[in-house]
Full PDB file with SEQRES, HELIX, SHEET, SSBOND, CRYST1, ORIGX, SCALE, CONECT and MASTER records, all heavy atoms in Angstrom:
SEQRES   1 A   39  GLU PRO GLN PRO HIS LEU ARG PHE LEU ASP PHE ALA ASP          
SEQRES   2 A   39  ASP PRO PRO PRO SER ARG ARG VAL VAL LEU ALA TRP ARG          
SEQRES   3 A   39  ARG SER PHE THR ARG TYR GLU ALA ILE ALA ALA LEU ARG          
HELIX    1 AA1 TYR A   32  LEU A   38  1                                   7    
CRYST1    1.000    1.000    1.000  90.00  90.00  90.00 P 1           1          
ORIGX1      1.000000  0.000000  0.000000        0.00000                         
ORIGX2      0.000000  1.000000  0.000000        0.00000                         
ORIGX3      0.000000  0.000000  1.000000        0.00000                         
SCALE1      1.000000  0.000000  0.000000        0.00000                         
SCALE2      0.000000  1.000000  0.000000        0.00000                         
SCALE3      0.000000  0.000000  1.000000        0.00000                         
ATOM      1  N   GLU A   1       0.795  -1.195   0.026  1.00  0.00           N  
ATOM      2  CA  GLU A   1      -0.017  -0.013  -0.009  1.00  0.00           C  
ATOM      3  C   GLU A   1       0.890   1.250  -0.017  1.00  0.00           C  
ATOM      4  O   GLU A   1       1.970   1.249   0.582  1.00  0.00           O  
ATOM      5  CB  GLU A   1      -0.908   0.058   1.246  1.00  0.00           C  
ATOM      6  CG  GLU A   1      -1.800  -1.217   1.421  1.00  0.00           C  
ATOM      7  CD  GLU A   1      -1.046  -2.401   1.967  1.00  0.00           C  
ATOM      8  OE1 GLU A   1       0.016  -2.186   2.565  1.00  0.00           O  
ATOM      9  OE2 GLU A   1      -1.528  -3.530   1.809  1.00  0.00           O  
ATOM     10  N   PRO A   2       0.416   2.309  -0.631  1.00  0.00           N  
ATOM     11  CA  PRO A   2       1.201   3.605  -0.594  1.00  0.00           C  
ATOM     12  C   PRO A   2       1.385   4.067   0.839  1.00  0.00           C  
ATOM     13  O   PRO A   2       0.536   3.941   1.686  1.00  0.00           O  
ATOM     14  CB  PRO A   2       0.255   4.577  -1.392  1.00  0.00           C  
ATOM     15  CG  PRO A   2      -0.635   3.710  -2.202  1.00  0.00           C  
ATOM     16  CD  PRO A   2      -0.796   2.432  -1.425  1.00  0.00           C  
ATOM     17  N   GLN A   3       2.600   4.597   1.059  1.00  0.00           N  
ATOM     18  CA  GLN A   3       2.969   5.100   2.394  1.00  0.00           C  
ATOM     19  C   GLN A   3       3.009   6.637   2.334  1.00  0.00           C  
ATOM     20  O   GLN A   3       3.728   7.212   1.471  1.00  0.00           O  
ATOM     21  CB  GLN A   3       4.342   4.574   2.821  1.00  0.00           C  
ATOM     22  CG  GLN A   3       4.383   3.050   2.864  1.00  0.00           C  
ATOM     23  CD  GLN A   3       3.485   2.459   3.922  1.00  0.00           C  
ATOM     24  OE1 GLN A   3       3.667   2.781   5.101  1.00  0.00           O  
ATOM     25  NE2 GLN A   3       2.548   1.597   3.522  1.00  0.00           N  
ATOM     26  N   PRO A   4       2.256   7.304   3.216  1.00  0.00           N  
ATOM     27  CA  PRO A   4       2.187   8.759   3.137  1.00  0.00           C  
ATOM     28  C   PRO A   4       3.579   9.481   3.297  1.00  0.00           C  
ATOM     29  O   PRO A   4       3.776  10.558   2.717  1.00  0.00           O  
ATOM     30  CB  PRO A   4       1.252   9.160   4.277  1.00  0.00           C  
ATOM     31  CG  PRO A   4       1.312   7.980   5.201  1.00  0.00           C  
ATOM     32  CD  PRO A   4       1.516   6.775   4.347  1.00  0.00           C  
ATOM     33  N   HIS A   5       4.486   8.912   4.040  1.00  0.00           N  
ATOM     34  CA  HIS A   5       5.734   9.597   4.347  1.00  0.00           C  
ATOM     35  C   HIS A   5       6.949   8.916   3.653  1.00  0.00           C  
ATOM     36  O   HIS A   5       8.105   9.339   3.956  1.00  0.00           O  
ATOM     37  CB  HIS A   5       5.970   9.637   5.825  1.00  0.00           C  
ATOM     38  CG  HIS A   5       4.842  10.314   6.601  1.00  0.00           C  
ATOM     39  ND1 HIS A   5       4.511  11.611   6.429  1.00  0.00           N  
ATOM     40  CD2 HIS A   5       3.965   9.767   7.490  1.00  0.00           C  
ATOM     41  CE1 HIS A   5       3.456  11.913   7.177  1.00  0.00           C  
ATOM     42  NE2 HIS A   5       3.117  10.807   7.862  1.00  0.00           N  
ATOM     43  N   LEU A   6       6.754   7.966   2.802  1.00  0.00           N  
ATOM     44  CA  LEU A   6       7.847   7.238   2.147  1.00  0.00           C  
ATOM     45  C   LEU A   6       7.626   7.148   0.643  1.00  0.00           C  
ATOM     46  O   LEU A   6       6.473   7.086   0.169  1.00  0.00           O  
ATOM     47  CB  LEU A   6       7.972   5.858   2.712  1.00  0.00           C  
ATOM     48  CG  LEU A   6       8.504   5.683   4.112  1.00  0.00           C  
ATOM     49  CD1 LEU A   6       8.415   4.249   4.578  1.00  0.00           C  
ATOM     50  CD2 LEU A   6      10.040   6.061   4.123  1.00  0.00           C  
ATOM     51  N   ARG A   7       8.715   7.095  -0.099  1.00  0.00           N  
ATOM     52  CA  ARG A   7       8.652   6.834  -1.522  1.00  0.00           C  
ATOM     53  C   ARG A   7       9.693   5.731  -1.806  1.00  0.00           C  
ATOM     54  O   ARG A   7      10.813   5.735  -1.250  1.00  0.00           O  
ATOM     55  CB  ARG A   7       8.945   8.087  -2.352  1.00  0.00           C  
ATOM     56  CG  ARG A   7       7.934   9.202  -2.166  1.00  0.00           C  
ATOM     57  CD  ARG A   7       6.567   8.858  -2.771  1.00  0.00           C  
ATOM     58  NE  ARG A   7       5.614   9.922  -2.621  1.00  0.00           N  
ATOM     59  CZ  ARG A   7       4.829  10.117  -1.597  1.00  0.00           C  
ATOM     60  NH1 ARG A   7       4.900   9.225  -0.570  1.00  0.00           N  
ATOM     61  NH2 ARG A   7       4.008  11.124  -1.536  1.00  0.00           N  
ATOM     62  N   PHE A   8       9.358   4.854  -2.700  1.00  0.00           N  
ATOM     63  CA  PHE A   8      10.247   3.702  -3.076  1.00  0.00           C  
ATOM     64  C   PHE A   8      10.601   3.807  -4.520  1.00  0.00           C  
ATOM     65  O   PHE A   8       9.731   3.862  -5.383  1.00  0.00           O  
ATOM     66  CB  PHE A   8       9.531   2.394  -2.723  1.00  0.00           C  
ATOM     67  CG  PHE A   8       9.201   2.238  -1.269  1.00  0.00           C  
ATOM     68  CD1 PHE A   8       7.906   2.575  -0.798  1.00  0.00           C  
ATOM     69  CD2 PHE A   8      10.149   1.798  -0.358  1.00  0.00           C  
ATOM     70  CE1 PHE A   8       7.608   2.447   0.575  1.00  0.00           C  
ATOM     71  CE2 PHE A   8       9.886   1.681   0.994  1.00  0.00           C  
ATOM     72  CZ  PHE A   8       8.577   2.016   1.457  1.00  0.00           C  
ATOM     73  N   LEU A   9      11.910   3.818  -4.736  1.00  0.00           N  
ATOM     74  CA  LEU A   9      12.447   3.985  -6.115  1.00  0.00           C  
ATOM     75  C   LEU A   9      13.181   2.759  -6.538  1.00  0.00           C  
ATOM     76  O   LEU A   9      13.717   2.008  -5.784  1.00  0.00           O  
ATOM     77  CB  LEU A   9      13.394   5.208  -6.155  1.00  0.00           C  
ATOM     78  CG  LEU A   9      12.935   6.494  -5.412  1.00  0.00           C  
ATOM     79  CD1 LEU A   9      14.013   7.551  -5.547  1.00  0.00           C  
ATOM     80  CD2 LEU A   9      11.621   7.040  -5.977  1.00  0.00           C  
ATOM     81  N   ASP A  10      13.179   2.551  -7.896  1.00  0.00           N  
ATOM     82  CA  ASP A  10      13.958   1.467  -8.458  1.00  0.00           C  
ATOM     83  C   ASP A  10      15.432   1.886  -8.642  1.00  0.00           C  
ATOM     84  O   ASP A  10      15.731   3.089  -8.658  1.00  0.00           O  
ATOM     85  CB  ASP A  10      13.420   1.085  -9.831  1.00  0.00           C  
ATOM     86  CG  ASP A  10      12.024   0.527  -9.758  1.00  0.00           C  
ATOM     87  OD1 ASP A  10      11.701  -0.167  -8.801  1.00  0.00           O  
ATOM     88  OD2 ASP A  10      11.231   0.745 -10.722  1.00  0.00           O  
ATOM     89  N   PHE A  11      16.326   0.924  -8.734  1.00  0.00           N  
ATOM     90  CA  PHE A  11      17.708   1.170  -9.099  1.00  0.00           C  
ATOM     91  C   PHE A  11      17.719   1.284 -10.610  1.00  0.00           C  
ATOM     92  O   PHE A  11      17.188   0.426 -11.316  1.00  0.00           O  
ATOM     93  CB  PHE A  11      18.641   0.058  -8.636  1.00  0.00           C  
ATOM     94  CG  PHE A  11      19.184   0.241  -7.245  1.00  0.00           C  
ATOM     95  CD1 PHE A  11      18.529  -0.308  -6.169  1.00  0.00           C  
ATOM     96  CD2 PHE A  11      20.330   0.975  -7.068  1.00  0.00           C  
ATOM     97  CE1 PHE A  11      19.062  -0.119  -4.892  1.00  0.00           C  
ATOM     98  CE2 PHE A  11      20.825   1.208  -5.803  1.00  0.00           C  
ATOM     99  CZ  PHE A  11      20.241   0.646  -4.687  1.00  0.00           C  
ATOM    100  N   ALA A  12      18.433   2.317 -11.133  1.00  0.00           N  
ATOM    101  CA  ALA A  12      18.581   2.488 -12.556  1.00  0.00           C  
ATOM    102  C   ALA A  12      19.707   1.634 -13.152  1.00  0.00           C  
ATOM    103  O   ALA A  12      19.819   1.453 -14.365  1.00  0.00           O  
ATOM    104  CB  ALA A  12      18.836   3.934 -12.946  1.00  0.00           C  
ATOM    105  N   ASP A  13      20.554   1.041 -12.300  1.00  0.00           N  
ATOM    106  CA  ASP A  13      21.649   0.244 -12.723  1.00  0.00           C  
ATOM    107  C   ASP A  13      21.168  -1.025 -13.476  1.00  0.00           C  
ATOM    108  O   ASP A  13      20.095  -1.585 -13.146  1.00  0.00           O  
ATOM    109  CB  ASP A  13      22.491  -0.206 -11.514  1.00  0.00           C  
ATOM    110  CG  ASP A  13      22.928   0.997 -10.705  1.00  0.00           C  
ATOM    111  OD1 ASP A  13      22.108   1.553  -9.944  1.00  0.00           O  
ATOM    112  OD2 ASP A  13      24.055   1.438 -10.837  1.00  0.00           O  
ATOM    113  N   ASP A  14      21.932  -1.449 -14.447  1.00  0.00           N  
ATOM    114  CA  ASP A  14      21.633  -2.650 -15.244  1.00  0.00           C  
ATOM    115  C   ASP A  14      22.731  -3.677 -15.151  1.00  0.00           C  
ATOM    116  O   ASP A  14      23.812  -3.375 -15.669  1.00  0.00           O  
ATOM    117  CB  ASP A  14      21.321  -2.258 -16.681  1.00  0.00           C  
ATOM    118  CG  ASP A  14      20.833  -3.418 -17.518  1.00  0.00           C  
ATOM    119  OD1 ASP A  14      20.332  -4.438 -16.891  1.00  0.00           O  
ATOM    120  OD2 ASP A  14      20.929  -3.393 -18.751  1.00  0.00           O  
ATOM    121  N   PRO A  15      22.541  -4.780 -14.438  1.00  0.00           N  
ATOM    122  CA  PRO A  15      21.351  -5.185 -13.760  1.00  0.00           C  
ATOM    123  C   PRO A  15      21.221  -4.458 -12.436  1.00  0.00           C  
ATOM    124  O   PRO A  15      22.240  -3.999 -11.863  1.00  0.00           O  
ATOM    125  CB  PRO A  15      21.502  -6.681 -13.590  1.00  0.00           C  
ATOM    126  CG  PRO A  15      22.979  -6.857 -13.461  1.00  0.00           C  
ATOM    127  CD  PRO A  15      23.617  -5.834 -14.402  1.00  0.00           C  
ATOM    128  N   PRO A  16      20.040  -4.376 -11.858  1.00  0.00           N  
ATOM    129  CA  PRO A  16      19.854  -3.695 -10.595  1.00  0.00           C  
ATOM    130  C   PRO A  16      20.405  -4.609  -9.469  1.00  0.00           C  
ATOM    131  O   PRO A  16      20.443  -5.858  -9.637  1.00  0.00           O  
ATOM    132  CB  PRO A  16      18.344  -3.585 -10.394  1.00  0.00           C  
ATOM    133  CG  PRO A  16      17.779  -4.633 -11.274  1.00  0.00           C  
ATOM    134  CD  PRO A  16      18.716  -4.756 -12.460  1.00  0.00           C  
ATOM    135  N   PRO A  17      20.891  -4.044  -8.367  1.00  0.00           N  
ATOM    136  CA  PRO A  17      21.341  -4.839  -7.253  1.00  0.00           C  
ATOM    137  C   PRO A  17      20.256  -5.788  -6.769  1.00  0.00           C  
ATOM    138  O   PRO A  17      19.050  -5.421  -6.755  1.00  0.00           O  
ATOM    139  CB  PRO A  17      21.719  -3.828  -6.188  1.00  0.00           C  
ATOM    140  CG  PRO A  17      21.897  -2.539  -6.961  1.00  0.00           C  
ATOM    141  CD  PRO A  17      20.992  -2.601  -8.093  1.00  0.00           C  
ATOM    142  N   SER A  18      20.667  -7.013  -6.359  1.00  0.00           N  
ATOM    143  CA  SER A  18      19.658  -7.980  -5.890  1.00  0.00           C  
ATOM    144  C   SER A  18      20.383  -9.000  -5.055  1.00  0.00           C  
ATOM    145  O   SER A  18      21.563  -8.983  -4.939  1.00  0.00           O  
ATOM    146  CB  SER A  18      18.990  -8.699  -7.115  1.00  0.00           C  
ATOM    147  OG  SER A  18      19.943  -9.464  -7.798  1.00  0.00           O  
ATOM    148  N   ARG A  19      19.595  -9.868  -4.468  1.00  0.00           N  
ATOM    149  CA  ARG A  19      20.163 -11.035  -3.682  1.00  0.00           C  
ATOM    150  C   ARG A  19      19.397 -12.265  -4.084  1.00  0.00           C  
ATOM    151  O   ARG A  19      18.203 -12.236  -4.466  1.00  0.00           O  
ATOM    152  CB  ARG A  19      20.021 -10.764  -2.183  1.00  0.00           C  
ATOM    153  CG  ARG A  19      18.612 -10.719  -1.697  1.00  0.00           C  
ATOM    154  CD  ARG A  19      18.583 -10.545  -0.190  1.00  0.00           C  
ATOM    155  NE  ARG A  19      17.184 -10.497   0.359  1.00  0.00           N  
ATOM    156  CZ  ARG A  19      16.910 -10.331   1.682  1.00  0.00           C  
ATOM    157  NH1 ARG A  19      17.874 -10.243   2.560  1.00  0.00           N  
ATOM    158  NH2 ARG A  19      15.663 -10.313   2.061  1.00  0.00           N  
ATOM    159  N   ARG A  20      20.132 -13.413  -4.035  1.00  0.00           N  
ATOM    160  CA  ARG A  20      19.478 -14.694  -4.292  1.00  0.00           C  
ATOM    161  C   ARG A  20      19.126 -15.385  -2.980  1.00  0.00           C  
ATOM    162  O   ARG A  20      19.997 -15.542  -2.089  1.00  0.00           O  
ATOM    163  CB  ARG A  20      20.422 -15.583  -5.125  1.00  0.00           C  
ATOM    164  CG  ARG A  20      19.875 -16.989  -5.260  1.00  0.00           C  
ATOM    165  CD  ARG A  20      20.419 -17.694  -6.512  1.00  0.00           C  
ATOM    166  NE  ARG A  20      19.976 -17.025  -7.710  1.00  0.00           N  
ATOM    167  CZ  ARG A  20      20.231 -17.468  -8.962  1.00  0.00           C  
ATOM    168  NH1 ARG A  20      20.952 -18.573  -9.117  1.00  0.00           N  
ATOM    169  NH2 ARG A  20      19.764 -16.807 -10.022  1.00  0.00           N  
ATOM    170  N   VAL A  21      17.900 -15.747  -2.839  1.00  0.00           N  
ATOM    171  CA  VAL A  21      17.421 -16.386  -1.621  1.00  0.00           C  
ATOM    172  C   VAL A  21      17.314 -17.906  -1.927  1.00  0.00           C  
ATOM    173  O   VAL A  21      16.770 -18.315  -2.953  1.00  0.00           O  
ATOM    174  CB  VAL A  21      16.021 -15.836  -1.197  1.00  0.00           C  
ATOM    175  CG1 VAL A  21      15.467 -16.623  -0.035  1.00  0.00           C  
ATOM    176  CG2 VAL A  21      16.139 -14.362  -0.894  1.00  0.00           C  
ATOM    177  N   VAL A  22      17.842 -18.697  -0.990  1.00  0.00           N  
ATOM    178  CA  VAL A  22      17.944 -20.147  -1.210  1.00  0.00           C  
ATOM    179  C   VAL A  22      17.460 -20.909  -0.007  1.00  0.00           C  
ATOM    180  O   VAL A  22      17.429 -20.355   1.089  1.00  0.00           O  
ATOM    181  CB  VAL A  22      19.400 -20.597  -1.521  1.00  0.00           C  
ATOM    182  CG1 VAL A  22      19.957 -19.864  -2.729  1.00  0.00           C  
ATOM    183  CG2 VAL A  22      20.350 -20.336  -0.314  1.00  0.00           C  
ATOM    184  N   LEU A  23      17.132 -22.170  -0.226  1.00  0.00           N  
ATOM    185  CA  LEU A  23      16.793 -23.071   0.861  1.00  0.00           C  
ATOM    186  C   LEU A  23      17.994 -23.964   1.029  1.00  0.00           C  
ATOM    187  O   LEU A  23      18.531 -24.576   0.110  1.00  0.00           O  
ATOM    188  CB  LEU A  23      15.522 -23.890   0.525  1.00  0.00           C  
ATOM    189  CG  LEU A  23      15.083 -24.961   1.480  1.00  0.00           C  
ATOM    190  CD1 LEU A  23      14.684 -24.273   2.820  1.00  0.00           C  
ATOM    191  CD2 LEU A  23      13.875 -25.720   0.934  1.00  0.00           C  
ATOM    192  N   ALA A  24      18.480 -24.075   2.282  1.00  0.00           N  
ATOM    193  CA  ALA A  24      19.667 -24.864   2.571  1.00  0.00           C  
ATOM    194  C   ALA A  24      19.348 -25.927   3.607  1.00  0.00           C  
ATOM    195  O   ALA A  24      18.562 -25.749   4.518  1.00  0.00           O  
ATOM    196  CB  ALA A  24      20.795 -23.946   3.139  1.00  0.00           C  
ATOM    197  N   TRP A  25      19.980 -27.128   3.470  1.00  0.00           N  
ATOM    198  CA  TRP A  25      19.797 -28.243   4.397  1.00  0.00           C  
ATOM    199  C   TRP A  25      21.024 -29.088   4.366  1.00  0.00           C  
ATOM    200  O   TRP A  25      21.778 -29.094   3.428  1.00  0.00           O  
ATOM    201  CB  TRP A  25      18.535 -29.038   4.119  1.00  0.00           C  
ATOM    202  CG  TRP A  25      18.575 -29.786   2.800  1.00  0.00           C  
ATOM    203  CD1 TRP A  25      18.862 -31.088   2.584  1.00  0.00           C  
ATOM    204  CD2 TRP A  25      18.196 -29.271   1.487  1.00  0.00           C  
ATOM    205  NE1 TRP A  25      18.767 -31.431   1.282  1.00  0.00           N  
ATOM    206  CE2 TRP A  25      18.397 -30.371   0.586  1.00  0.00           C  
ATOM    207  CE3 TRP A  25      17.865 -28.045   0.984  1.00  0.00           C  
ATOM    208  CZ2 TRP A  25      18.164 -30.213  -0.785  1.00  0.00           C  
ATOM    209  CZ3 TRP A  25      17.595 -27.891  -0.392  1.00  0.00           C  
ATOM    210  CH2 TRP A  25      17.789 -28.943  -1.248  1.00  0.00           C  
ATOM    211  N   ARG A  26      21.224 -29.869   5.431  1.00  0.00           N  
ATOM    212  CA  ARG A  26      22.312 -30.843   5.482  1.00  0.00           C  
ATOM    213  C   ARG A  26      22.115 -31.945   4.457  1.00  0.00           C  
ATOM    214  O   ARG A  26      20.962 -32.430   4.229  1.00  0.00           O  
ATOM    215  CB  ARG A  26      22.421 -31.481   6.868  1.00  0.00           C  
ATOM    216  CG  ARG A  26      22.791 -30.542   8.001  1.00  0.00           C  
ATOM    217  CD  ARG A  26      22.965 -31.264   9.302  1.00  0.00           C  
ATOM    218  NE  ARG A  26      21.849 -32.148   9.607  1.00  0.00           N  
ATOM    219  CZ  ARG A  26      20.678 -31.722  10.080  1.00  0.00           C  
ATOM    220  NH1 ARG A  26      20.495 -30.413  10.349  1.00  0.00           N  
ATOM    221  NH2 ARG A  26      19.737 -32.561  10.359  1.00  0.00           N  
ATOM    222  N   ARG A  27      23.206 -32.328   3.804  1.00  0.00           N  
ATOM    223  CA  ARG A  27      23.082 -33.354   2.823  1.00  0.00           C  
ATOM    224  C   ARG A  27      22.614 -34.734   3.422  1.00  0.00           C  
ATOM    225  O   ARG A  27      22.104 -35.540   2.706  1.00  0.00           O  
ATOM    226  CB  ARG A  27      24.432 -33.559   2.104  1.00  0.00           C  
ATOM    227  CG  ARG A  27      24.833 -32.315   1.288  1.00  0.00           C  
ATOM    228  CD  ARG A  27      26.093 -32.501   0.511  1.00  0.00           C  
ATOM    229  NE  ARG A  27      26.573 -31.301  -0.127  1.00  0.00           N  
ATOM    230  CZ  ARG A  27      26.068 -30.855  -1.276  1.00  0.00           C  
ATOM    231  NH1 ARG A  27      25.210 -31.517  -1.941  1.00  0.00           N  
ATOM    232  NH2 ARG A  27      26.557 -29.688  -1.787  1.00  0.00           N  
ATOM    233  N   SER A  28      22.852 -34.883   4.685  1.00  0.00           N  
ATOM    234  CA  SER A  28      22.480 -36.109   5.348  1.00  0.00           C  
ATOM    235  C   SER A  28      21.026 -36.134   5.797  1.00  0.00           C  
ATOM    236  O   SER A  28      20.503 -37.135   6.299  1.00  0.00           O  
ATOM    237  CB  SER A  28      23.340 -36.357   6.576  1.00  0.00           C  
ATOM    238  OG  SER A  28      23.240 -35.246   7.501  1.00  0.00           O  
ATOM    239  N   PHE A  29      20.320 -35.003   5.638  1.00  0.00           N  
ATOM    240  CA  PHE A  29      18.913 -34.906   6.039  1.00  0.00           C  
ATOM    241  C   PHE A  29      18.053 -35.825   5.111  1.00  0.00           C  
ATOM    242  O   PHE A  29      18.161 -35.740   3.904  1.00  0.00           O  
ATOM    243  CB  PHE A  29      18.425 -33.472   5.946  1.00  0.00           C  
ATOM    244  CG  PHE A  29      17.019 -33.246   6.467  1.00  0.00           C  
ATOM    245  CD1 PHE A  29      16.664 -33.555   7.795  1.00  0.00           C  
ATOM    246  CD2 PHE A  29      16.070 -32.723   5.656  1.00  0.00           C  
ATOM    247  CE1 PHE A  29      15.425 -33.337   8.271  1.00  0.00           C  
ATOM    248  CE2 PHE A  29      14.796 -32.484   6.148  1.00  0.00           C  
ATOM    249  CZ  PHE A  29      14.446 -32.827   7.489  1.00  0.00           C  
ATOM    250  N   THR A  30      17.271 -36.688   5.739  1.00  0.00           N  
ATOM    251  CA  THR A  30      16.599 -37.768   4.999  1.00  0.00           C  
ATOM    252  C   THR A  30      15.179 -37.423   4.510  1.00  0.00           C  
ATOM    253  O   THR A  30      14.665 -38.187   3.702  1.00  0.00           O  
ATOM    254  CB  THR A  30      16.533 -39.024   5.847  1.00  0.00           C  
ATOM    255  OG1 THR A  30      15.843 -38.744   7.051  1.00  0.00           O  
ATOM    256  CG2 THR A  30      17.947 -39.521   6.162  1.00  0.00           C  
ATOM    257  N   ARG A  31      14.584 -36.334   4.957  1.00  0.00           N  
ATOM    258  CA  ARG A  31      13.200 -36.061   4.590  1.00  0.00           C  
ATOM    259  C   ARG A  31      13.141 -35.205   3.319  1.00  0.00           C  
ATOM    260  O   ARG A  31      12.825 -34.064   3.315  1.00  0.00           O  
ATOM    261  CB  ARG A  31      12.484 -35.369   5.740  1.00  0.00           C  
ATOM    262  CG  ARG A  31      12.283 -36.253   6.941  1.00  0.00           C  
ATOM    263  CD  ARG A  31      11.675 -35.442   8.133  1.00  0.00           C  
ATOM    264  NE  ARG A  31      10.324 -34.986   7.832  1.00  0.00           N  
ATOM    265  CZ  ARG A  31       9.621 -34.176   8.597  1.00  0.00           C  
ATOM    266  NH1 ARG A  31      10.192 -33.665   9.674  1.00  0.00           N  
ATOM    267  NH2 ARG A  31       8.438 -33.824   8.266  1.00  0.00           N  
ATOM    268  N   TYR A  32      13.530 -35.870   2.179  1.00  0.00           N  
ATOM    269  CA  TYR A  32      13.597 -35.155   0.915  1.00  0.00           C  
ATOM    270  C   TYR A  32      12.243 -34.585   0.539  1.00  0.00           C  
ATOM    271  O   TYR A  32      12.150 -33.471  -0.030  1.00  0.00           O  
ATOM    272  CB  TYR A  32      14.093 -36.095  -0.144  1.00  0.00           C  
ATOM    273  CG  TYR A  32      15.356 -36.865   0.225  1.00  0.00           C  
ATOM    274  CD1 TYR A  32      15.316 -38.233   0.347  1.00  0.00           C  
ATOM    275  CD2 TYR A  32      16.542 -36.192   0.492  1.00  0.00           C  
ATOM    276  CE1 TYR A  32      16.403 -38.957   0.735  1.00  0.00           C  
ATOM    277  CE2 TYR A  32      17.674 -36.904   0.829  1.00  0.00           C  
ATOM    278  CZ  TYR A  32      17.648 -38.290   0.940  1.00  0.00           C  
ATOM    279  OH  TYR A  32      18.706 -39.004   1.338  1.00  0.00           O  
ATOM    280  N   GLU A  33      11.187 -35.346   0.813  1.00  0.00           N  
ATOM    281  CA  GLU A  33       9.846 -34.918   0.477  1.00  0.00           C  
ATOM    282  C   GLU A  33       9.440 -33.662   1.217  1.00  0.00           C  
ATOM    283  O   GLU A  33       8.703 -32.792   0.688  1.00  0.00           O  
ATOM    284  CB  GLU A  33       8.836 -36.025   0.704  1.00  0.00           C  
ATOM    285  CG  GLU A  33       8.993 -37.257  -0.185  1.00  0.00           C  
ATOM    286  CD  GLU A  33      10.006 -38.274   0.367  1.00  0.00           C  
ATOM    287  OE1 GLU A  33      10.695 -37.914   1.375  1.00  0.00           O  
ATOM    288  OE2 GLU A  33      10.097 -39.338  -0.137  1.00  0.00           O  
ATOM    289  N   ALA A  34       9.884 -33.524   2.478  1.00  0.00           N  
ATOM    290  CA  ALA A  34       9.594 -32.354   3.265  1.00  0.00           C  
ATOM    291  C   ALA A  34      10.242 -31.123   2.657  1.00  0.00           C  
ATOM    292  O   ALA A  34       9.634 -30.042   2.562  1.00  0.00           O  
ATOM    293  CB  ALA A  34      10.021 -32.546   4.711  1.00  0.00           C  
ATOM    294  N   ILE A  35      11.501 -31.249   2.192  1.00  0.00           N  
ATOM    295  CA  ILE A  35      12.215 -30.163   1.570  1.00  0.00           C  
ATOM    296  C   ILE A  35      11.461 -29.745   0.303  1.00  0.00           C  
ATOM    297  O   ILE A  35      11.259 -28.536   0.029  1.00  0.00           O  
ATOM    298  CB  ILE A  35      13.664 -30.574   1.244  1.00  0.00           C  
ATOM    299  CG1 ILE A  35      14.428 -30.803   2.485  1.00  0.00           C  
ATOM    300  CG2 ILE A  35      14.338 -29.501   0.414  1.00  0.00           C  
ATOM    301  CD1 ILE A  35      14.651 -29.598   3.402  1.00  0.00           C  
ATOM    302  N   ALA A  36      11.079 -30.729  -0.507  1.00  0.00           N  
ATOM    303  CA  ALA A  36      10.386 -30.442  -1.743  1.00  0.00           C  
ATOM    304  C   ALA A  36       9.032 -29.794  -1.485  1.00  0.00           C  
ATOM    305  O   ALA A  36       8.654 -28.778  -2.161  1.00  0.00           O  
ATOM    306  CB  ALA A  36      10.157 -31.697  -2.562  1.00  0.00           C  
ATOM    307  N   ALA A  37       8.326 -30.213  -0.445  1.00  0.00           N  
ATOM    308  CA  ALA A  37       7.026 -29.589  -0.082  1.00  0.00           C  
ATOM    309  C   ALA A  37       7.177 -28.137   0.382  1.00  0.00           C  
ATOM    310  O   ALA A  37       6.407 -27.259  -0.007  1.00  0.00           O  
ATOM    311  CB  ALA A  37       6.319 -30.431   1.021  1.00  0.00           C  
ATOM    312  N   LEU A  38       8.274 -27.930   1.134  1.00  0.00           N  
ATOM    313  CA  LEU A  38       8.515 -26.556   1.596  1.00  0.00           C  
ATOM    314  C   LEU A  38       8.842 -25.646   0.414  1.00  0.00           C  
ATOM    315  O   LEU A  38       8.323 -24.508   0.323  1.00  0.00           O  
ATOM    316  CB  LEU A  38       9.623 -26.526   2.640  1.00  0.00           C  
ATOM    317  CG  LEU A  38       9.987 -25.165   3.198  1.00  0.00           C  
ATOM    318  CD1 LEU A  38       8.808 -24.619   4.046  1.00  0.00           C  
ATOM    319  CD2 LEU A  38      11.219 -25.255   4.075  1.00  0.00           C  
ATOM    320  N   ARG A  39       9.674 -26.128  -0.465  1.00  0.00           N  
ATOM    321  CA  ARG A  39      10.038 -25.296  -1.637  1.00  0.00           C  
ATOM    322  C   ARG A  39       8.849 -25.011  -2.510  1.00  0.00           C  
ATOM    323  O   ARG A  39       8.671 -23.891  -3.054  1.00  0.00           O  
ATOM    324  CB  ARG A  39      11.135 -26.016  -2.472  1.00  0.00           C  
ATOM    325  CG  ARG A  39      11.662 -25.223  -3.586  1.00  0.00           C  
ATOM    326  CD  ARG A  39      12.999 -25.771  -4.105  1.00  0.00           C  
ATOM    327  NE  ARG A  39      13.572 -24.932  -5.118  1.00  0.00           N  
ATOM    328  CZ  ARG A  39      13.587 -25.230  -6.437  1.00  0.00           C  
ATOM    329  NH1 ARG A  39      13.031 -26.371  -6.849  1.00  0.00           N  
ATOM    330  NH2 ARG A  39      14.084 -24.388  -7.309  1.00  0.00           N  
TER     331      ARG A  39                                                      
MASTER        0    0    0    1    0    0    0    6  330    1    0    3          
END                                                                             
């Protein structure tokens, strides 16, 4: 929703700054279906 006291602008840089969000788990974790369901 619009904020009365704030304005949000895009970065003009190409590509714009960003971050990659990942799901991490131990390789020994056995509940593969649970990881897939969460993803």
